[in-house]
Amino acid sequence: MIPVKQIEKNYTDTDLLKEYQSFGKQEILAQLYLRYTDLVYGTSIKYLKDQETAKDAVIAIYEELVNKLQTNSVDNFKSWLYVVTKNHCLMQLRKEKRTLTVDLSDSIMQTEDFTHLDSVLEKEKDLQRLEKCMETLNDEQKKTVELFYLENRCYNEIAALTNIEWNKVRSLIQNGRRNLKNCMEQYE
């Protein structure tokens, strides 16, 4: 066991990673992570385009590592951390994109023109069609599509939750999306 006080630069990433995975000491993970905080911060800035959000990402990613490194096999920590950072940022951007903001101006709120109801009714019909189309998917496609789009889960999380291989998860989601599109087009 590496004494925490003696962690120096001469220990490789692999040494520190094995030590953390064996004993779970956060001091060791912190030393390893500190080597790459500039990488994490720079990558976060690149994707998120905001310094404060990037700083939050650096902290959130460290918190993710505490659990992920206990369950994932990592050969090259730096490369793996870059991918984790990139995926984290992309998930943040996806969440922001799904957050719908609506401007409720006076002209919309105080009008006798009911044309806006047409669009609401059309959206409701689309949702009903989508629900019917979801029922046409096989069970694996339906489950993976729901986890990916409705619960914002990444491929790795879906693979872990469903015990389905990562490549098959990706394929199921892509095929499910295509099948849903084809089904929705039939209703039009």
C-alpha atoms as a PDB file:
ATOM      1  CA  MET A   1       0.000   0.000   0.000  1.00  0.00           C
ATOM      2  CA  ILE A   2       1.305   3.428  -0.942  1.00  0.00           C
ATOM      3  CA  PRO A   3       1.407   5.705   2.112  1.00  0.00           C
ATOM      4  CA  VAL A   4      -0.774   8.700   1.312  1.00  0.00           C
ATOM      5  CA  LYS A   5       1.840  11.145   2.591  1.00  0.00           C
ATOM      6  CA  GLN A   6       4.431   9.675   0.225  1.00  0.00           C
ATOM      7  CA  ILE A   7       2.500  10.050  -3.032  1.00  0.00           C
ATOM      8  CA  GLU A   8       4.942  11.640  -5.380  1.00  0.00           C
ATOM      9  CA  LYS A   9       5.183  12.192  -9.096  1.00  0.00           C
ATOM     10  CA  ASN A  10       7.265   9.036  -9.504  1.00  0.00           C
ATOM     11  CA  TYR A  11       4.146   6.895  -9.028  1.00  0.00           C
ATOM     12  CA  THR A  12       2.475   6.184 -12.360  1.00  0.00           C
ATOM     13  CA  ASP A  13      -1.191   6.718 -13.029  1.00  0.00           C
ATOM     14  CA  THR A  14      -1.581   2.942 -13.129  1.00  0.00           C
ATOM     15  CA  ASP A  15       0.018   2.581  -9.686  1.00  0.00           C
ATOM     16  CA  LEU A  16      -2.309   5.149  -8.164  1.00  0.00           C
ATOM     17  CA  LEU A  17      -5.337   3.750  -9.974  1.00  0.00           C
ATOM     18  CA  LYS A  18      -4.683   0.209  -8.740  1.00  0.00           C
ATOM     19  CA  GLU A  19      -4.138   1.540  -5.247  1.00  0.00           C
ATOM     20  CA  TYR A  20      -7.428   3.430  -5.308  1.00  0.00           C
ATOM     21  CA  GLN A  21      -9.327   0.467  -6.712  1.00  0.00           C
ATOM     22  CA  SER A  22      -7.815  -1.816  -4.073  1.00  0.00           C
ATOM     23  CA  PHE A  23      -8.249   0.359  -1.001  1.00  0.00           C
ATOM     24  CA  GLY A  24     -10.737   3.075  -2.013  1.00  0.00           C
ATOM     25  CA  LYS A  25      -8.766   5.922  -0.435  1.00  0.00           C
ATOM     26  CA  GLN A  26      -9.999   9.201  -1.857  1.00  0.00           C
ATOM     27  CA  GLU A  27      -6.681  10.899  -1.106  1.00  0.00           C
ATOM     28  CA  ILE A  28      -5.072   8.691  -3.731  1.00  0.00           C
ATOM     29  CA  LEU A  29      -7.822   9.377  -6.264  1.00  0.00           C
ATOM     30  CA  ALA A  30      -7.502  13.098  -5.535  1.00  0.00           C
ATOM     31  CA  GLN A  31      -3.759  13.010  -6.238  1.00  0.00           C
ATOM     32  CA  LEU A  32      -4.369  11.175  -9.493  1.00  0.00           C
ATOM     33  CA  TYR A  33      -7.176  13.526 -10.508  1.00  0.00           C
ATOM     34  CA  LEU A  34      -5.142  16.636  -9.687  1.00  0.00           C
ATOM     35  CA  ARG A  35      -2.681  15.626 -12.404  1.00  0.00           C
ATOM     36  CA  TYR A  36      -5.412  16.100 -15.000  1.00  0.00           C
ATOM     37  CA  THR A  37      -7.666  18.872 -13.688  1.00  0.00           C
ATOM     38  CA  ASP A  38      -6.326  21.207 -16.383  1.00  0.00           C
ATOM     39  CA  LEU A  39      -7.339  18.651 -19.017  1.00  0.00           C
ATOM     40  CA  VAL A  40     -10.794  18.266 -17.478  1.00  0.00           C
ATOM     41  CA  TYR A  41     -11.276  22.025 -17.119  1.00  0.00           C
ATOM     42  CA  GLY A  42     -10.021  22.757 -20.641  1.00  0.00           C
ATOM     43  CA  THR A  43     -12.233  20.089 -22.183  1.00  0.00           C
ATOM     44  CA  SER A  44     -15.219  21.360 -20.184  1.00  0.00           C
ATOM     45  CA  ILE A  45     -14.602  24.931 -21.369  1.00  0.00           C
ATOM     46  CA  LYS A  46     -14.343  23.676 -24.952  1.00  0.00           C
ATOM     47  CA  TYR A  47     -17.773  22.035 -24.823  1.00  0.00           C
ATOM     48  CA  LEU A  48     -19.701  24.101 -22.282  1.00  0.00           C
ATOM     49  CA  LYS A  49     -18.338  27.553 -23.292  1.00  0.00           C
ATOM     50  CA  ASP A  50     -18.714  28.928 -19.757  1.00  0.00           C
ATOM     51  CA  GLN A  51     -16.079  29.130 -17.022  1.00  0.00           C
ATOM     52  CA  GLU A  52     -18.425  28.694 -14.060  1.00  0.00           C
ATOM     53  CA  THR A  53     -20.213  25.737 -15.647  1.00  0.00           C
ATOM     54  CA  ALA A  54     -16.817  24.218 -16.489  1.00  0.00           C
ATOM     55  CA  LYS A  55     -15.681  24.608 -12.860  1.00  0.00           C
ATOM     56  CA  ASP A  56     -18.856  22.851 -11.728  1.00  0.00           C
ATOM     57  CA  ALA A  57     -18.133  20.098 -14.247  1.00  0.00           C
ATOM     58  CA  VAL A  58     -14.630  19.551 -12.798  1.00  0.00           C
ATOM     59  CA  ILE A  59     -16.175  18.885  -9.394  1.00  0.00           C
ATOM     60  CA  ALA A  60     -19.025  16.761 -10.755  1.00  0.00           C
ATOM     61  CA  ILE A  61     -16.651  14.625 -12.808  1.00  0.00           C
ATOM     62  CA  TYR A  62     -14.487  13.937  -9.740  1.00  0.00           C
ATOM     63  CA  GLU A  63     -17.613  12.787  -7.908  1.00  0.00           C
ATOM     64  CA  GLU A  64     -18.451  10.494 -10.841  1.00  0.00           C
ATOM     65  CA  LEU A  65     -14.961   8.983 -10.726  1.00  0.00           C
ATOM     66  CA  VAL A  66     -15.351   7.917  -7.105  1.00  0.00           C
ATOM     67  CA  ASN A  67     -17.926   5.319  -8.197  1.00  0.00           C
ATOM     68  CA  LYS A  68     -16.935   4.666 -11.802  1.00  0.00           C
ATOM     69  CA  LEU A  69     -13.370   3.704 -10.995  1.00  0.00           C
ATOM     70  CA  GLN A  70     -14.572   1.063  -8.548  1.00  0.00           C
ATOM     71  CA  THR A  71     -16.517  -0.719 -11.293  1.00  0.00           C
ATOM     72  CA  ASN A  72     -14.674   0.097 -14.555  1.00  0.00           C
ATOM     73  CA  SER A  73     -11.457  -1.384 -15.820  1.00  0.00           C
ATOM     74  CA  VAL A  74      -9.204   1.445 -17.003  1.00  0.00           C
ATOM     75  CA  ASP A  75      -6.053   0.866 -19.033  1.00  0.00           C
ATOM     76  CA  ASN A  76      -5.081   4.464 -19.812  1.00  0.00           C
ATOM     77  CA  PHE A  77      -6.417   6.850 -17.161  1.00  0.00           C
ATOM     78  CA  LYS A  78      -5.753  10.065 -19.099  1.00  0.00           C
ATOM     79  CA  SER A  79      -7.594   8.881 -22.233  1.00  0.00           C
ATOM     80  CA  TRP A  80     -10.408   7.373 -20.215  1.00  0.00           C
ATOM     81  CA  LEU A  81     -10.792  10.581 -18.180  1.00  0.00           C
ATOM     82  CA  TYR A  82     -10.968  12.642 -21.374  1.00  0.00           C
ATOM     83  CA  VAL A  83     -13.822  10.452 -22.657  1.00  0.00           C
ATOM     84  CA  VAL A  84     -15.644  10.655 -19.303  1.00  0.00           C
ATOM     85  CA  THR A  85     -15.254  14.456 -19.357  1.00  0.00           C
ATOM     86  CA  LYS A  86     -16.462  14.746 -22.935  1.00  0.00           C
ATOM     87  CA  ASN A  87     -19.497  12.525 -22.234  1.00  0.00           C
ATOM     88  CA  HIS A  88     -20.314  14.505 -19.098  1.00  0.00           C
ATOM     89  CA  CYS A  89     -20.256  17.769 -21.050  1.00  0.00           C
ATOM     90  CA  LEU A  90     -22.350  16.341 -23.877  1.00  0.00           C
ATOM     91  CA  MET A  91     -24.928  15.096 -21.373  1.00  0.00           C
ATOM     92  CA  GLN A  92     -25.027  18.586 -19.814  1.00  0.00           C
ATOM     93  CA  LEU A  93     -25.612  20.121 -23.234  1.00  0.00           C
ATOM     94  CA  ARG A  94     -28.322  17.556 -23.975  1.00  0.00           C
ATOM     95  CA  LYS A  95     -30.088  18.395 -20.707  1.00  0.00           C
ATOM     96  CA  GLU A  96     -29.944  22.119 -21.472  1.00  0.00           C
ATOM     97  CA  LYS A  97     -31.326  21.521 -24.953  1.00  0.00           C
ATOM     98  CA  ARG A  98     -34.314  19.653 -23.527  1.00  0.00           C
ATOM     99  CA  THR A  99     -35.121  22.439 -21.103  1.00  0.00           C
ATOM    100  CA  LEU A 100     -37.901  24.286 -22.849  1.00  0.00           C
ATOM    101  CA  THR A 101     -38.393  27.969 -22.110  1.00  0.00           C
ATOM    102  CA  VAL A 102     -41.481  29.745 -23.309  1.00  0.00           C
ATOM    103  CA  ASP A 103     -41.969  33.481 -23.632  1.00  0.00           C
ATOM    104  CA  LEU A 104     -45.437  34.305 -22.346  1.00  0.00           C
ATOM    105  CA  SER A 105     -46.002  37.712 -23.837  1.00  0.00           C
ATOM    106  CA  ASP A 106     -49.245  39.628 -23.335  1.00  0.00           C
ATOM    107  CA  SER A 107     -50.273  39.047 -26.914  1.00  0.00           C
ATOM    108  CA  ILE A 108     -50.279  35.303 -26.335  1.00  0.00           C
ATOM    109  CA  MET A 109     -51.958  35.369 -22.971  1.00  0.00           C
ATOM    110  CA  GLN A 110     -54.738  37.843 -23.722  1.00  0.00           C
ATOM    111  CA  THR A 111     -56.052  36.913 -27.122  1.00  0.00           C
ATOM    112  CA  GLU A 112     -59.259  35.565 -28.476  1.00  0.00           C
ATOM    113  CA  ASP A 113     -57.395  33.996 -31.350  1.00  0.00           C
ATOM    114  CA  PHE A 114     -57.333  30.264 -30.636  1.00  0.00           C
ATOM    115  CA  THR A 115     -54.877  29.256 -33.364  1.00  0.00           C
ATOM    116  CA  HIS A 116     -52.335  28.308 -30.702  1.00  0.00           C
ATOM    117  CA  LEU A 117     -54.722  25.536 -29.641  1.00  0.00           C
ATOM    118  CA  ASP A 118     -54.255  23.914 -33.049  1.00  0.00           C
ATOM    119  CA  SER A 119     -50.556  23.436 -32.408  1.00  0.00           C
ATOM    120  CA  VAL A 120     -51.269  22.088 -28.918  1.00  0.00           C
ATOM    121  CA  LEU A 121     -53.763  19.606 -30.338  1.00  0.00           C
ATOM    122  CA  GLU A 122     -51.297  18.589 -33.058  1.00  0.00           C
ATOM    123  CA  LYS A 123     -48.596  17.966 -30.452  1.00  0.00           C
ATOM    124  CA  GLU A 124     -51.062  15.895 -28.436  1.00  0.00           C
ATOM    125  CA  LYS A 125     -51.857  13.801 -31.517  1.00  0.00           C
ATOM    126  CA  ASP A 126     -48.124  13.354 -32.182  1.00  0.00           C
ATOM    127  CA  LEU A 127     -47.629  12.135 -28.616  1.00  0.00           C
ATOM    128  CA  GLN A 128     -50.489   9.661 -28.985  1.00  0.00           C
ATOM    129  CA  ARG A 129     -48.998   8.399 -32.265  1.00  0.00           C
ATOM    130  CA  LEU A 130     -45.603   8.103 -30.621  1.00  0.00           C
ATOM    131  CA  GLU A 131     -47.083   6.062 -27.771  1.00  0.00           C
ATOM    132  CA  LYS A 132     -48.715   3.717 -30.282  1.00  0.00           C
ATOM    133  CA  CYS A 133     -45.461   3.429 -32.220  1.00  0.00           C
ATOM    134  CA  MET A 134     -43.511   2.686 -29.031  1.00  0.00           C
ATOM    135  CA  GLU A 135     -45.767  -0.340 -28.555  1.00  0.00           C
ATOM    136  CA  THR A 136     -44.630  -1.694 -31.955  1.00  0.00           C
ATOM    137  CA  LEU A 137     -40.988  -1.901 -30.838  1.00  0.00           C
ATOM    138  CA  ASN A 138     -39.618  -5.137 -29.458  1.00  0.00           C
ATOM    139  CA  ASP A 139     -39.019  -5.184 -25.705  1.00  0.00           C
ATOM    140  CA  GLU A 140     -35.252  -4.540 -25.865  1.00  0.00           C
ATOM    141  CA  GLN A 141     -35.637  -1.623 -28.302  1.00  0.00           C
ATOM    142  CA  LYS A 142     -38.442  -0.120 -26.256  1.00  0.00           C
ATOM    143  CA  LYS A 143     -36.488  -0.360 -22.981  1.00  0.00           C
ATOM    144  CA  THR A 144     -33.249   1.083 -24.403  1.00  0.00           C
ATOM    145  CA  VAL A 145     -35.056   3.906 -26.236  1.00  0.00           C
ATOM    146  CA  GLU A 146     -36.952   4.834 -23.061  1.00  0.00           C
ATOM    147  CA  LEU A 147     -33.769   4.830 -20.972  1.00  0.00           C
ATOM    148  CA  PHE A 148     -31.842   6.890 -23.533  1.00  0.00           C
ATOM    149  CA  TYR A 149     -34.457   9.488 -24.491  1.00  0.00           C
ATOM    150  CA  LEU A 150     -36.794   9.672 -21.520  1.00  0.00           C
ATOM    151  CA  GLU A 151     -34.329   9.090 -18.674  1.00  0.00           C
ATOM    152  CA  ASN A 152     -31.279  10.697 -20.360  1.00  0.00           C
ATOM    153  CA  ARG A 153     -29.108   7.647 -19.710  1.00  0.00           C
ATOM    154  CA  CYS A 154     -25.863   7.130 -21.634  1.00  0.00           C
ATOM    155  CA  TYR A 155     -24.971   3.903 -23.451  1.00  0.00           C
ATOM    156  CA  ASN A 156     -22.728   2.732 -20.589  1.00  0.00           C
ATOM    157  CA  GLU A 157     -25.482   3.198 -18.008  1.00  0.00           C
ATOM    158  CA  ILE A 158     -28.029   1.412 -20.199  1.00  0.00           C
ATOM    159  CA  ALA A 159     -25.611  -1.475 -20.758  1.00  0.00           C
ATOM    160  CA  ALA A 160     -25.083  -1.773 -16.999  1.00  0.00           C
ATOM    161  CA  LEU A 161     -28.801  -1.556 -16.177  1.00  0.00           C
ATOM    162  CA  THR A 162     -29.958  -4.020 -18.836  1.00  0.00           C
ATOM    163  CA  ASN A 163     -26.964  -6.379 -18.991  1.00  0.00           C
ATOM    164  CA  ILE A 164     -26.876  -5.843 -22.745  1.00  0.00           C
ATOM    165  CA  GLU A 165     -23.534  -5.396 -24.509  1.00  0.00           C
ATOM    166  CA  TRP A 166     -22.650  -1.734 -25.274  1.00  0.00           C
ATOM    167  CA  ASN A 167     -22.605  -2.214 -29.078  1.00  0.00           C
ATOM    168  CA  LYS A 168     -25.979  -3.925 -28.969  1.00  0.00           C
ATOM    169  CA  VAL A 169     -27.385  -1.072 -26.852  1.00  0.00           C
ATOM    170  CA  ARG A 170     -26.227   1.401 -29.497  1.00  0.00           C
ATOM    171  CA  SER A 171     -27.726  -0.716 -32.256  1.00  0.00           C
ATOM    172  CA  LEU A 172     -31.036  -1.147 -30.411  1.00  0.00           C
ATOM    173  CA  ILE A 173     -31.362   2.604 -29.902  1.00  0.00           C
ATOM    174  CA  GLN A 174     -30.530   3.411 -33.515  1.00  0.00           C
ATOM    175  CA  ASN A 175     -32.893   0.751 -34.873  1.00  0.00           C
ATOM    176  CA  GLY A 176     -35.605   1.773 -32.417  1.00  0.00           C
ATOM    177  CA  ARG A 177     -35.317   5.415 -33.482  1.00  0.00           C
ATOM    178  CA  ARG A 178     -35.526   4.412 -37.153  1.00  0.00           C
ATOM    179  CA  ASN A 179     -38.533   2.163 -36.498  1.00  0.00           C
ATOM    180  CA  LEU A 180     -40.282   4.957 -34.598  1.00  0.00           C
ATOM    181  CA  LYS A 181     -39.623   7.392 -37.444  1.00  0.00           C
ATOM    182  CA  ASN A 182     -41.011   4.964 -40.008  1.00  0.00           C
ATOM    183  CA  CYS A 183     -44.057   4.278 -37.868  1.00  0.00           C
ATOM    184  CA  MET A 184     -44.725   7.987 -37.317  1.00  0.00           C
ATOM    185  CA  GLU A 185     -44.449   8.623 -41.076  1.00  0.00           C
ATOM    186  CA  GLN A 186     -47.100   5.973 -41.710  1.00  0.00           C
ATOM    187  CA  TYR A 187     -49.540   7.920 -39.536  1.00  0.00           C
ATOM    188  CA  GLU A 188     -48.950  11.082 -41.567  1.00  0.00           C
END
